[in-house]
C-alpha cells in the first residue's frame, strides 16, 4: 500500500498554487490545489501523518499524479 505524507501533500498543494496562483475577487485556488486541500485538512484535523493513496478520490488522485509527473519531469532536466 502506498502512502502520502502530510509534507508531501503540502508540497503538492504549494506546487499547484505556484503553477496556477489564486485568481478572481475571491482568490479561489486552482482546481488541483483545491482537490488536494480536502485530504490535507482531514489529515490535520485527525492528526494523521500520512494517508493511503487509495484514500484519495479520483480527482484528488489526478491532482496528485499530475504533481508527481511534473516534479519527476522537472527533476530529470
Foldseek 3Di string as FASTA:
>chain_A
DDKDFLVNLVVLLVVQCVVPPQDDPVSDGPQLSVQSVVVSVVCVVVVHGIDHLVPGDPSNNVSSVVSVVVVVVVVVD
